[in-house]
Amino acid sequence: MPIRFFQQKINALNAYADTLANRNIYASNALGFARTILATGTLLTFLFSPYDAVFVDGINKVAFVDSFNAFNLFELIKSPIAARAVAAVILITVISGYLPQITGILHWWVCFSMFNKGTLVDGGDQVSMILSGFLLPVTLLDPRLNHWTEGKTYNRPYSNILSNVVLGLIAVQMSVIYFHSAVEKMKVAEWVNGTAVYYFLNNNLFGPVPVIRNLIVTLMASPLIALLADWGVLLLEILLFAALFMSRKNKRRMLIAGVAFHFTIIIMHGLVSFFFAMTAGLFLYLYPLDQSVALRILPFKKLRRKQPSAAPSGKLQTI
């Protein structure tokens, strides 16, 4: 009986390994799309945030990893302008897609350097650091010159297995983030009684701009709306955690809901880089990465020149 049980488990593991080996994420542009979203958030931080707002002079932050300071980008390059330029060039190169085997390392270096050295960092910077670190083996195993390349199948079963296992760990990480967020909120009395969202939106530091705030305050004057908004956030975060166990179809639905949720946070709280980090995480978590993303630069279909119809058999076509 025990031998038969273990044999069934081994057969199940072999079948699962075959599934992972045949799930070729390098045949689509989805991984590149996620990396681009992730790098864009950090790039916007460097382009539109004052350097001394991220790295405040006179404040000695306790480093996340002390031994890393010797290799920290913002320790190696003391000039604020030069350090920002180097970080921006690296992130733009990540977005371009070329040489993911090298830019994957550089991307993590920038994100880790910023989180380790930065004085004013938020959850989005931490998520960017974690995701870029998780993606290191995935990018190192990428056989393509550019991560936007799609349509070519590579016969690399062991690389596929390792990459898909890492992506599975990213899915678990994102699921845990939402679970932890919901559980911690439930420990706060204001979240339980339905007033937390009201207080956050009325806060001068964390709330929206006055025009939006005035509208929101009017809506939140209704206890029912305030309660629905409050518990709606908790329910959505629980569902985003549970999406780990959902079907592919329902995962797509939760992806749309999650992106809309974080876009609402931009409007309400102005957390732009957080939106990009969490959107990239949601995409890696809920989108089938072996399927390409349909990207259309032009809003209309390319016109094709009409070909002359073939002449009927036995007759010459006249011009």
C-alpha atoms as a PDB file:
ATOM      1  CA  MET A   1       0.000   0.000   0.000  1.00  0.00           C
ATOM      2  CA  PRO A   2       2.694   2.587   0.881  1.00  0.00           C
ATOM      3  CA  ILE A   3       4.652   1.690  -2.272  1.00  0.00           C
ATOM      4  CA  ARG A   4       1.582   2.203  -4.433  1.00  0.00           C
ATOM      5  CA  PHE A   5       0.853   5.528  -2.716  1.00  0.00           C
ATOM      6  CA  PHE A   6       4.363   6.867  -3.335  1.00  0.00           C
ATOM      7  CA  GLN A   7       4.291   5.601  -6.901  1.00  0.00           C
ATOM      8  CA  GLN A   8       1.095   7.571  -7.544  1.00  0.00           C
ATOM      9  CA  LYS A   9       2.688  10.700  -6.096  1.00  0.00           C
ATOM     10  CA  ILE A  10       5.787  10.263  -8.229  1.00  0.00           C
ATOM     11  CA  ASN A  11       3.644   9.805 -11.340  1.00  0.00           C
ATOM     12  CA  ALA A  12       1.706  12.952 -10.446  1.00  0.00           C
ATOM     13  CA  LEU A  13       4.950  14.906 -10.007  1.00  0.00           C
ATOM     14  CA  ASN A  14       6.237  13.631 -13.348  1.00  0.00           C
ATOM     15  CA  ALA A  15       3.017  14.708 -15.052  1.00  0.00           C
ATOM     16  CA  TYR A  16       3.267  18.151 -13.429  1.00  0.00           C
ATOM     17  CA  ALA A  17       6.929  18.443 -14.495  1.00  0.00           C
ATOM     18  CA  ASP A  18       5.888  17.635 -18.068  1.00  0.00           C
ATOM     19  CA  THR A  19       3.280  20.398 -17.883  1.00  0.00           C
ATOM     20  CA  LEU A  20       5.887  22.914 -16.706  1.00  0.00           C
ATOM     21  CA  ALA A  21       8.376  21.755 -19.340  1.00  0.00           C
ATOM     22  CA  ASN A  22       5.816  22.371 -22.095  1.00  0.00           C
ATOM     23  CA  ARG A  23       4.766  25.793 -20.747  1.00  0.00           C
ATOM     24  CA  ASN A  24       7.129  27.921 -22.822  1.00  0.00           C
ATOM     25  CA  ILE A  25       7.044  31.467 -21.454  1.00  0.00           C
ATOM     26  CA  TYR A  26       9.885  32.469 -23.783  1.00  0.00           C
ATOM     27  CA  ALA A  27       7.663  31.973 -26.823  1.00  0.00           C
ATOM     28  CA  SER A  28       5.504  34.975 -25.854  1.00  0.00           C
ATOM     29  CA  ASN A  29       6.019  38.655 -25.039  1.00  0.00           C
ATOM     30  CA  ALA A  30       4.113  38.453 -21.740  1.00  0.00           C
ATOM     31  CA  LEU A  31       7.224  38.238 -19.544  1.00  0.00           C
ATOM     32  CA  GLY A  32       8.680  41.259 -21.311  1.00  0.00           C
ATOM     33  CA  PHE A  33       5.436  43.157 -20.824  1.00  0.00           C
ATOM     34  CA  ALA A  34       5.553  42.500 -17.060  1.00  0.00           C
ATOM     35  CA  ARG A  35       9.224  43.525 -16.812  1.00  0.00           C
ATOM     36  CA  THR A  36       8.457  46.718 -18.693  1.00  0.00           C
ATOM     37  CA  ILE A  37       5.633  47.666 -16.323  1.00  0.00           C
ATOM     38  CA  LEU A  38       7.881  46.978 -13.331  1.00  0.00           C
ATOM     39  CA  ALA A  39      10.798  49.031 -14.683  1.00  0.00           C
ATOM     40  CA  THR A  40       8.510  51.903 -15.716  1.00  0.00           C
ATOM     41  CA  GLY A  41       7.384  52.498 -12.137  1.00  0.00           C
ATOM     42  CA  THR A  42      10.958  52.836 -10.852  1.00  0.00           C
ATOM     43  CA  LEU A  43      11.927  54.954 -13.866  1.00  0.00           C
ATOM     44  CA  LEU A  44       9.095  57.410 -13.173  1.00  0.00           C
ATOM     45  CA  THR A  45      10.321  57.711  -9.584  1.00  0.00           C
ATOM     46  CA  PHE A  46      13.768  58.813 -10.775  1.00  0.00           C
ATOM     47  CA  LEU A  47      12.455  61.091 -13.514  1.00  0.00           C
ATOM     48  CA  PHE A  48       9.778  62.949 -11.566  1.00  0.00           C
ATOM     49  CA  SER A  49      10.842  62.767  -7.917  1.00  0.00           C
ATOM     50  CA  PRO A  50      13.466  65.197  -6.578  1.00  0.00           C
ATOM     51  CA  TYR A  51      16.630  63.269  -5.842  1.00  0.00           C
ATOM     52  CA  ASP A  52      16.873  64.700  -2.339  1.00  0.00           C
ATOM     53  CA  ALA A  53      13.301  63.555  -1.656  1.00  0.00           C
ATOM     54  CA  VAL A  54      14.302  59.929  -2.158  1.00  0.00           C
ATOM     55  CA  PHE A  55      17.772  60.219  -0.617  1.00  0.00           C
ATOM     56  CA  VAL A  56      17.457  62.771   2.165  1.00  0.00           C
ATOM     57  CA  ASP A  57      20.773  64.303   3.252  1.00  0.00           C
ATOM     58  CA  GLY A  58      21.485  64.199   6.951  1.00  0.00           C
ATOM     59  CA  ILE A  59      19.281  61.176   7.606  1.00  0.00           C
ATOM     60  CA  ASN A  60      21.226  57.972   8.124  1.00  0.00           C
ATOM     61  CA  LYS A  61      18.913  55.151   7.199  1.00  0.00           C
ATOM     62  CA  VAL A  62      19.580  51.747   8.692  1.00  0.00           C
ATOM     63  CA  ALA A  63      20.577  49.709   5.638  1.00  0.00           C
ATOM     64  CA  PHE A  64      18.502  46.681   4.741  1.00  0.00           C
ATOM     65  CA  VAL A  65      21.753  44.803   4.080  1.00  0.00           C
ATOM     66  CA  ASP A  66      24.875  46.558   5.429  1.00  0.00           C
ATOM     67  CA  SER A  67      27.309  44.472   3.404  1.00  0.00           C
ATOM     68  CA  PHE A  68      25.620  45.589   0.170  1.00  0.00           C
ATOM     69  CA  ASN A  69      26.542  49.247   0.696  1.00  0.00           C
ATOM     70  CA  ALA A  70      29.936  48.717  -0.937  1.00  0.00           C
ATOM     71  CA  PHE A  71      28.129  47.715  -4.163  1.00  0.00           C
ATOM     72  CA  ASN A  72      25.213  50.132  -3.887  1.00  0.00           C
ATOM     73  CA  LEU A  73      24.733  52.191  -7.040  1.00  0.00           C
ATOM     74  CA  PHE A  74      24.089  55.352  -5.057  1.00  0.00           C
ATOM     75  CA  GLU A  75      27.208  54.807  -2.941  1.00  0.00           C
ATOM     76  CA  LEU A  76      29.446  54.066  -5.909  1.00  0.00           C
ATOM     77  CA  ILE A  77      28.238  57.174  -7.772  1.00  0.00           C
ATOM     78  CA  LYS A  78      28.141  60.154  -5.431  1.00  0.00           C
ATOM     79  CA  SER A  79      26.895  62.675  -7.995  1.00  0.00           C
ATOM     80  CA  PRO A  80      23.067  62.834  -7.847  1.00  0.00           C
ATOM     81  CA  ILE A  81      22.778  63.715 -11.534  1.00  0.00           C
ATOM     82  CA  ALA A  82      25.129  60.932 -12.656  1.00  0.00           C
ATOM     83  CA  ALA A  83      23.509  58.335 -10.371  1.00  0.00           C
ATOM     84  CA  ARG A  84      20.038  59.230 -11.630  1.00  0.00           C
ATOM     85  CA  ALA A  85      21.254  59.124 -15.250  1.00  0.00           C
ATOM     86  CA  VAL A  86      22.815  55.665 -14.822  1.00  0.00           C
ATOM     87  CA  ALA A  87      19.660  54.306 -13.149  1.00  0.00           C
ATOM     88  CA  ALA A  88      17.460  55.794 -15.890  1.00  0.00           C
ATOM     89  CA  VAL A  89      19.610  54.328 -18.689  1.00  0.00           C
ATOM     90  CA  ILE A  90      19.477  50.876 -17.084  1.00  0.00           C
ATOM     91  CA  LEU A  91      15.704  51.008 -16.667  1.00  0.00           C
ATOM     92  CA  ILE A  92      15.147  52.279 -20.218  1.00  0.00           C
ATOM     93  CA  THR A  93      17.306  49.407 -21.484  1.00  0.00           C
ATOM     94  CA  VAL A  94      15.140  46.972 -19.486  1.00  0.00           C
ATOM     95  CA  ILE A  95      12.055  48.460 -21.137  1.00  0.00           C
ATOM     96  CA  SER A  96      13.648  48.146 -24.587  1.00  0.00           C
ATOM     97  CA  GLY A  97      13.904  44.406 -23.974  1.00  0.00           C
ATOM     98  CA  TYR A  98      17.446  43.863 -25.233  1.00  0.00           C
ATOM     99  CA  LEU A  99      19.761  41.396 -23.478  1.00  0.00           C
ATOM    100  CA  PRO A 100      17.423  40.325 -20.646  1.00  0.00           C
ATOM    101  CA  GLN A 101      20.207  38.064 -19.311  1.00  0.00           C
ATOM    102  CA  ILE A 102      22.207  41.198 -18.392  1.00  0.00           C
ATOM    103  CA  THR A 103      19.467  43.762 -17.797  1.00  0.00           C
ATOM    104  CA  GLY A 104      17.735  41.391 -15.366  1.00  0.00           C
ATOM    105  CA  ILE A 105      20.755  41.680 -13.053  1.00  0.00           C
ATOM    106  CA  LEU A 106      21.074  45.437 -13.556  1.00  0.00           C
ATOM    107  CA  HIS A 107      17.346  45.938 -12.939  1.00  0.00           C
ATOM    108  CA  TRP A 108      17.570  44.167  -9.590  1.00  0.00           C
ATOM    109  CA  TRP A 109      20.745  46.148  -8.763  1.00  0.00           C
ATOM    110  CA  VAL A 110      18.942  49.458  -9.249  1.00  0.00           C
ATOM    111  CA  CYS A 111      15.857  48.379  -7.274  1.00  0.00           C
ATOM    112  CA  PHE A 112      17.863  46.885  -4.424  1.00  0.00           C
ATOM    113  CA  SER A 113      20.215  49.893  -4.291  1.00  0.00           C
ATOM    114  CA  MET A 114      17.283  52.266  -4.070  1.00  0.00           C
ATOM    115  CA  PHE A 115      15.504  50.307  -1.343  1.00  0.00           C
ATOM    116  CA  ASN A 116      18.719  49.757   0.605  1.00  0.00           C
ATOM    117  CA  LYS A 117      19.863  53.391   0.417  1.00  0.00           C
ATOM    118  CA  GLY A 118      16.669  55.384  -0.124  1.00  0.00           C
ATOM    119  CA  THR A 119      15.266  57.291   2.811  1.00  0.00           C
ATOM    120  CA  LEU A 120      11.726  57.737   1.536  1.00  0.00           C
ATOM    121  CA  VAL A 121      10.651  54.436   0.009  1.00  0.00           C
ATOM    122  CA  ASP A 122       7.239  52.800  -0.003  1.00  0.00           C
ATOM    123  CA  GLY A 123       5.723  49.384  -0.506  1.00  0.00           C
ATOM    124  CA  GLY A 124       5.980  49.722  -4.271  1.00  0.00           C
ATOM    125  CA  ASP A 125       9.772  50.066  -4.067  1.00  0.00           C
ATOM    126  CA  GLN A 126       9.925  46.967  -1.883  1.00  0.00           C
ATOM    127  CA  VAL A 127       7.724  44.970  -4.271  1.00  0.00           C
ATOM    128  CA  SER A 128       9.905  46.083  -7.213  1.00  0.00           C
ATOM    129  CA  MET A 129      13.002  44.890  -5.381  1.00  0.00           C
ATOM    130  CA  ILE A 130      11.415  41.524  -4.554  1.00  0.00           C
ATOM    131  CA  LEU A 131      10.002  40.891  -8.038  1.00  0.00           C
ATOM    132  CA  SER A 132      13.185  41.911  -9.869  1.00  0.00           C
ATOM    133  CA  GLY A 133      15.074  39.550  -7.549  1.00  0.00           C
ATOM    134  CA  PHE A 134      12.685  36.681  -8.235  1.00  0.00           C
ATOM    135  CA  LEU A 135      13.027  37.307 -11.971  1.00  0.00           C
ATOM    136  CA  LEU A 136      16.827  36.978 -11.942  1.00  0.00           C
ATOM    137  CA  PRO A 137      16.910  33.229 -12.798  1.00  0.00           C
ATOM    138  CA  VAL A 138      14.044  33.686 -15.271  1.00  0.00           C
ATOM    139  CA  THR A 139      15.925  36.371 -17.207  1.00  0.00           C
ATOM    140  CA  LEU A 140      19.255  34.543 -16.981  1.00  0.00           C
ATOM    141  CA  LEU A 141      17.634  31.535 -18.677  1.00  0.00           C
ATOM    142  CA  ASP A 142      15.953  33.634 -21.370  1.00  0.00           C
ATOM    143  CA  PRO A 143      17.359  32.426 -24.741  1.00  0.00           C
ATOM    144  CA  ARG A 144      16.178  35.529 -26.640  1.00  0.00           C
ATOM    145  CA  LEU A 145      18.096  38.625 -27.653  1.00  0.00           C
ATOM    146  CA  ASN A 146      15.039  40.726 -26.839  1.00  0.00           C
ATOM    147  CA  HIS A 147      12.209  39.930 -24.436  1.00  0.00           C
ATOM    148  CA  TRP A 148       9.636  41.285 -26.909  1.00  0.00           C
ATOM    149  CA  THR A 149      10.410  38.418 -29.332  1.00  0.00           C
ATOM    150  CA  GLU A 150       7.476  36.042 -29.666  1.00  0.00           C
ATOM    151  CA  GLY A 151       6.364  33.061 -31.683  1.00  0.00           C
ATOM    152  CA  LYS A 152       9.558  30.992 -31.522  1.00  0.00           C
ATOM    153  CA  THR A 153       9.461  27.783 -29.478  1.00  0.00           C
ATOM    154  CA  TYR A 154      12.634  26.724 -27.698  1.00  0.00           C
ATOM    155  CA  ASN A 155      13.250  23.078 -26.840  1.00  0.00           C
ATOM    156  CA  ARG A 156      14.585  23.684 -23.318  1.00  0.00           C
ATOM    157  CA  PRO A 157      12.445  21.604 -20.943  1.00  0.00           C
ATOM    158  CA  TYR A 158      14.664  21.976 -17.863  1.00  0.00           C
ATOM    159  CA  SER A 159      14.918  25.752 -18.259  1.00  0.00           C
ATOM    160  CA  ASN A 160      11.149  25.900 -18.650  1.00  0.00           C
ATOM    161  CA  ILE A 161      10.639  23.891 -15.466  1.00  0.00           C
ATOM    162  CA  LEU A 162      12.940  26.113 -13.409  1.00  0.00           C
ATOM    163  CA  SER A 163      11.480  29.336 -14.812  1.00  0.00           C
ATOM    164  CA  ASN A 164       7.908  28.216 -14.201  1.00  0.00           C
ATOM    165  CA  VAL A 165       8.731  27.132 -10.648  1.00  0.00           C
ATOM    166  CA  VAL A 166      10.126  30.614  -9.950  1.00  0.00           C
ATOM    167  CA  LEU A 167       7.032  32.213 -11.469  1.00  0.00           C
ATOM    168  CA  GLY A 168       4.953  29.962  -9.241  1.00  0.00           C
ATOM    169  CA  LEU A 169       6.838  31.350  -6.232  1.00  0.00           C
ATOM    170  CA  ILE A 170       6.047  34.876  -7.447  1.00  0.00           C
ATOM    171  CA  ALA A 171       2.359  33.919  -7.573  1.00  0.00           C
ATOM    172  CA  VAL A 172       2.532  32.640  -3.997  1.00  0.00           C
ATOM    173  CA  GLN A 173       4.329  35.832  -2.916  1.00  0.00           C
ATOM    174  CA  MET A 174       1.673  38.075  -4.463  1.00  0.00           C
ATOM    175  CA  SER A 175      -1.092  35.982  -2.935  1.00  0.00           C
ATOM    176  CA  VAL A 176       0.508  36.280   0.502  1.00  0.00           C
ATOM    177  CA  ILE A 177       0.850  40.074   0.103  1.00  0.00           C
ATOM    178  CA  TYR A 178      -2.905  40.459  -0.357  1.00  0.00           C
ATOM    179  CA  PHE A 179      -3.702  37.956   2.390  1.00  0.00           C
ATOM    180  CA  HIS A 180      -1.410  39.732   4.840  1.00  0.00           C
ATOM    181  CA  SER A 181      -2.841  43.123   3.882  1.00  0.00           C
ATOM    182  CA  ALA A 182      -6.425  41.982   4.495  1.00  0.00           C
ATOM    183  CA  VAL A 183      -5.660  40.203   7.772  1.00  0.00           C
ATOM    184  CA  GLU A 184      -3.700  43.151   9.196  1.00  0.00           C
ATOM    185  CA  LYS A 185      -6.513  45.545   8.281  1.00  0.00           C
ATOM    186  CA  MET A 186      -8.988  43.366  10.152  1.00  0.00           C
ATOM    187  CA  LYS A 187      -6.967  43.926  13.343  1.00  0.00           C
ATOM    188  CA  VAL A 188      -7.710  47.674  13.156  1.00  0.00           C
ATOM    189  CA  ALA A 189     -10.999  48.845  14.665  1.00  0.00           C
ATOM    190  CA  GLU A 190     -11.594  51.496  11.970  1.00  0.00           C
ATOM    191  CA  TRP A 191     -11.427  48.887   9.208  1.00  0.00           C
ATOM    192  CA  VAL A 192     -13.840  46.616  11.036  1.00  0.00           C
ATOM    193  CA  ASN A 193     -16.409  49.335  11.799  1.00  0.00           C
ATOM    194  CA  GLY A 194     -16.234  50.744   8.262  1.00  0.00           C
ATOM    195  CA  THR A 195     -14.650  54.157   8.838  1.00  0.00           C
ATOM    196  CA  ALA A 196     -11.008  53.604   7.761  1.00  0.00           C
ATOM    197  CA  VAL A 197     -11.486  54.588   4.096  1.00  0.00           C
ATOM    198  CA  TYR A 198     -13.372  57.726   5.186  1.00  0.00           C
ATOM    199  CA  TYR A 199     -10.505  58.806   7.461  1.00  0.00           C
ATOM    200  CA  PHE A 200      -7.824  58.082   4.856  1.00  0.00           C
ATOM    201  CA  LEU A 201      -9.625  60.064   2.164  1.00  0.00           C
ATOM    202  CA  ASN A 202     -10.030  63.039   4.497  1.00  0.00           C
ATOM    203  CA  ASN A 203      -6.375  63.045   5.496  1.00  0.00           C
ATOM    204  CA  ASN A 204      -4.464  66.089   4.196  1.00  0.00           C
ATOM    205  CA  LEU A 205      -1.294  64.051   3.656  1.00  0.00           C
ATOM    206  CA  PHE A 206      -2.661  60.771   2.252  1.00  0.00           C
ATOM    207  CA  GLY A 207      -5.989  61.903   0.816  1.00  0.00           C
ATOM    208  CA  PRO A 208      -6.789  62.999  -2.763  1.00  0.00           C
ATOM    209  CA  VAL A 209      -6.612  66.533  -4.146  1.00  0.00           C
ATOM    210  CA  PRO A 210      -9.337  68.914  -2.892  1.00  0.00           C
ATOM    211  CA  VAL A 211     -11.556  68.611  -5.997  1.00  0.00           C
ATOM    212  CA  ILE A 212     -11.781  64.828  -5.711  1.00  0.00           C
ATOM    213  CA  ARG A 213     -11.879  64.965  -1.915  1.00  0.00           C
ATOM    214  CA  ASN A 214     -14.971  67.174  -1.909  1.00  0.00           C
ATOM    215  CA  LEU A 215     -16.808  64.706  -4.118  1.00  0.00           C
ATOM    216  CA  ILE A 216     -15.668  61.707  -2.074  1.00  0.00           C
ATOM    217  CA  VAL A 217     -16.621  63.328   1.234  1.00  0.00           C
ATOM    218  CA  THR A 218     -20.116  63.899  -0.079  1.00  0.00           C
ATOM    219  CA  LEU A 219     -20.440  60.228  -1.012  1.00  0.00           C
ATOM    220  CA  MET A 220     -18.854  59.033   2.206  1.00  0.00           C
ATOM    221  CA  ALA A 221     -21.389  61.015   4.228  1.00  0.00           C
ATOM    222  CA  SER A 222     -23.620  57.992   3.755  1.00  0.00           C
ATOM    223  CA  PRO A 223     -22.692  55.360   6.381  1.00  0.00           C
ATOM    224  CA  LEU A 224     -23.763  52.607   3.985  1.00  0.00           C
ATOM    225  CA  ILE A 225     -21.441  53.802   1.187  1.00  0.00           C
ATOM    226  CA  ALA A 226     -18.578  54.223   3.650  1.00  0.00           C
ATOM    227  CA  LEU A 227     -19.123  50.695   4.952  1.00  0.00           C
ATOM    228  CA  LEU A 228     -19.341  49.207   1.439  1.00  0.00           C
ATOM    229  CA  ALA A 229     -16.140  50.987   0.372  1.00  0.00           C
ATOM    230  CA  ASP A 230     -14.341  49.818   3.491  1.00  0.00           C
ATOM    231  CA  TRP A 231     -15.383  46.179   3.371  1.00  0.00           C
ATOM    232  CA  GLY A 232     -15.173  46.185  -0.420  1.00  0.00           C
ATOM    233  CA  VAL A 233     -11.410  46.710  -0.117  1.00  0.00           C
ATOM    234  CA  LEU A 234     -11.122  43.848   2.386  1.00  0.00           C
ATOM    235  CA  LEU A 235     -13.219  41.507   0.235  1.00  0.00           C
ATOM    236  CA  LEU A 236     -11.232  42.317  -2.909  1.00  0.00           C
ATOM    237  CA  GLU A 237      -7.935  41.639  -1.159  1.00  0.00           C
ATOM    238  CA  ILE A 238      -9.244  38.288   0.109  1.00  0.00           C
ATOM    239  CA  LEU A 239     -10.363  37.407  -3.425  1.00  0.00           C
ATOM    240  CA  LEU A 240      -6.959  38.417  -4.831  1.00  0.00           C
ATOM    241  CA  PHE A 241      -5.384  36.039  -2.320  1.00  0.00           C
ATOM    242  CA  ALA A 242      -7.834  33.278  -3.286  1.00  0.00           C
ATOM    243  CA  ALA A 243      -7.098  33.840  -6.996  1.00  0.00           C
ATOM    244  CA  LEU A 244      -4.104  31.532  -6.476  1.00  0.00           C
ATOM    245  CA  PHE A 245      -6.588  28.647  -6.498  1.00  0.00           C
ATOM    246  CA  MET A 246      -8.930  29.945  -9.223  1.00  0.00           C
ATOM    247  CA  SER A 247      -9.338  28.840 -12.818  1.00  0.00           C
ATOM    248  CA  ARG A 248      -7.490  30.652 -15.595  1.00  0.00           C
ATOM    249  CA  LYS A 249     -10.696  32.427 -16.644  1.00  0.00           C
ATOM    250  CA  ASN A 250     -11.375  33.748 -13.150  1.00  0.00           C
ATOM    251  CA  LYS A 251      -7.738  34.757 -12.741  1.00  0.00           C
ATOM    252  CA  ARG A 252      -8.122  37.057 -15.737  1.00  0.00           C
ATOM    253  CA  ARG A 253     -11.163  38.625 -14.111  1.00  0.00           C
ATOM    254  CA  MET A 254      -9.270  39.157 -10.879  1.00  0.00           C
ATOM    255  CA  LEU A 255      -6.392  40.680 -12.858  1.00  0.00           C
ATOM    256  CA  ILE A 256      -8.741  43.326 -14.262  1.00  0.00           C
ATOM    257  CA  ALA A 257     -10.252  43.952 -10.826  1.00  0.00           C
ATOM    258  CA  GLY A 258      -6.821  44.223  -9.200  1.00  0.00           C
ATOM    259  CA  VAL A 259      -5.448  46.674 -11.774  1.00  0.00           C
ATOM    260  CA  ALA A 260      -8.599  48.812 -11.464  1.00  0.00           C
ATOM    261  CA  PHE A 261      -8.222  48.746  -7.672  1.00  0.00           C
ATOM    262  CA  HIS A 262      -4.625  49.993  -7.793  1.00  0.00           C
ATOM    263  CA  PHE A 263      -5.507  52.622 -10.409  1.00  0.00           C
ATOM    264  CA  THR A 264      -8.131  53.912  -7.977  1.00  0.00           C
ATOM    265  CA  ILE A 265      -5.360  54.180  -5.379  1.00  0.00           C
ATOM    266  CA  ILE A 266      -3.477  56.500  -7.779  1.00  0.00           C
ATOM    267  CA  ILE A 267      -6.492  58.799  -7.953  1.00  0.00           C
ATOM    268  CA  MET A 268      -7.164  58.703  -4.225  1.00  0.00           C
ATOM    269  CA  HIS A 269      -3.631  58.675  -2.818  1.00  0.00           C
ATOM    270  CA  GLY A 270      -1.281  59.516  -5.704  1.00  0.00           C
ATOM    271  CA  LEU A 271       0.817  56.324  -5.344  1.00  0.00           C
ATOM    272  CA  VAL A 272       1.958  56.059  -8.958  1.00  0.00           C
ATOM    273  CA  SER A 273       5.060  53.876  -8.557  1.00  0.00           C
ATOM    274  CA  PHE A 274       3.082  51.571  -6.250  1.00  0.00           C
ATOM    275  CA  PHE A 275       0.528  51.097  -9.044  1.00  0.00           C
ATOM    276  CA  PHE A 276       3.193  49.988 -11.533  1.00  0.00           C
ATOM    277  CA  ALA A 277       4.865  47.609  -9.074  1.00  0.00           C
ATOM    278  CA  MET A 278       1.611  45.938  -8.034  1.00  0.00           C
ATOM    279  CA  THR A 279       0.298  45.806 -11.607  1.00  0.00           C
ATOM    280  CA  ALA A 280       3.481  44.035 -12.723  1.00  0.00           C
ATOM    281  CA  GLY A 281       3.107  41.648  -9.791  1.00  0.00           C
ATOM    282  CA  LEU A 282      -0.548  40.980 -10.602  1.00  0.00           C
ATOM    283  CA  PHE A 283       0.364  40.330 -14.229  1.00  0.00           C
ATOM    284  CA  LEU A 284       3.056  37.808 -13.273  1.00  0.00           C
ATOM    285  CA  TYR A 285       0.594  36.276 -10.807  1.00  0.00           C
ATOM    286  CA  LEU A 286      -2.614  36.039 -12.816  1.00  0.00           C
ATOM    287  CA  TYR A 287      -1.817  36.246 -16.539  1.00  0.00           C
ATOM    288  CA  PRO A 288      -0.906  33.061 -18.494  1.00  0.00           C
ATOM    289  CA  LEU A 289       2.659  34.014 -19.400  1.00  0.00           C
ATOM    290  CA  ASP A 290       2.865  31.479 -22.212  1.00  0.00           C
ATOM    291  CA  GLN A 291       0.312  33.576 -24.128  1.00  0.00           C
ATOM    292  CA  SER A 292       1.379  36.782 -25.855  1.00  0.00           C
ATOM    293  CA  VAL A 293      -0.145  40.144 -25.032  1.00  0.00           C
ATOM    294  CA  ALA A 294      -1.831  41.800 -28.016  1.00  0.00           C
ATOM    295  CA  LEU A 295      -0.090  45.174 -28.264  1.00  0.00           C
ATOM    296  CA  ARG A 296      -1.381  47.650 -30.820  1.00  0.00           C
ATOM    297  CA  ILE A 297       0.540  50.860 -31.274  1.00  0.00           C
ATOM    298  CA  LEU A 298      -1.976  52.197 -33.814  1.00  0.00           C
ATOM    299  CA  PRO A 299      -5.692  52.328 -32.936  1.00  0.00           C
ATOM    300  CA  PHE A 300      -6.663  51.003 -36.354  1.00  0.00           C
ATOM    301  CA  LYS A 301      -5.863  47.916 -38.366  1.00  0.00           C
ATOM    302  CA  LYS A 302      -3.151  48.130 -40.969  1.00  0.00           C
ATOM    303  CA  LEU A 303      -4.612  48.573 -44.435  1.00  0.00           C
ATOM    304  CA  ARG A 304      -3.716  45.883 -46.890  1.00  0.00           C
ATOM    305  CA  ARG A 305      -3.426  46.411 -50.601  1.00  0.00           C
ATOM    306  CA  LYS A 306      -6.127  44.488 -52.388  1.00  0.00           C
ATOM    307  CA  GLN A 307      -4.809  41.781 -54.658  1.00  0.00           C
ATOM    308  CA  PRO A 308      -6.454  41.284 -58.073  1.00  0.00           C
ATOM    309  CA  SER A 309      -8.799  38.342 -58.048  1.00  0.00           C
ATOM    310  CA  ALA A 310      -7.778  35.241 -59.972  1.00  0.00           C
ATOM    311  CA  ALA A 311      -9.182  34.918 -63.457  1.00  0.00           C
ATOM    312  CA  PRO A 312     -11.776  32.194 -64.039  1.00  0.00           C
ATOM    313  CA  SER A 313     -10.325  28.962 -65.337  1.00  0.00           C
ATOM    314  CA  GLY A 314     -10.068  28.828 -69.118  1.00  0.00           C
ATOM    315  CA  LYS A 315     -10.357  32.597 -69.544  1.00  0.00           C
ATOM    316  CA  LEU A 316      -7.828  35.388 -69.742  1.00  0.00           C
ATOM    317  CA  GLN A 317      -8.204  38.272 -67.299  1.00  0.00           C
ATOM    318  CA  THR A 318      -8.432  41.602 -69.057  1.00  0.00           C
ATOM    319  CA  ILE A 319      -6.900  44.772 -67.680  1.00  0.00           C
END
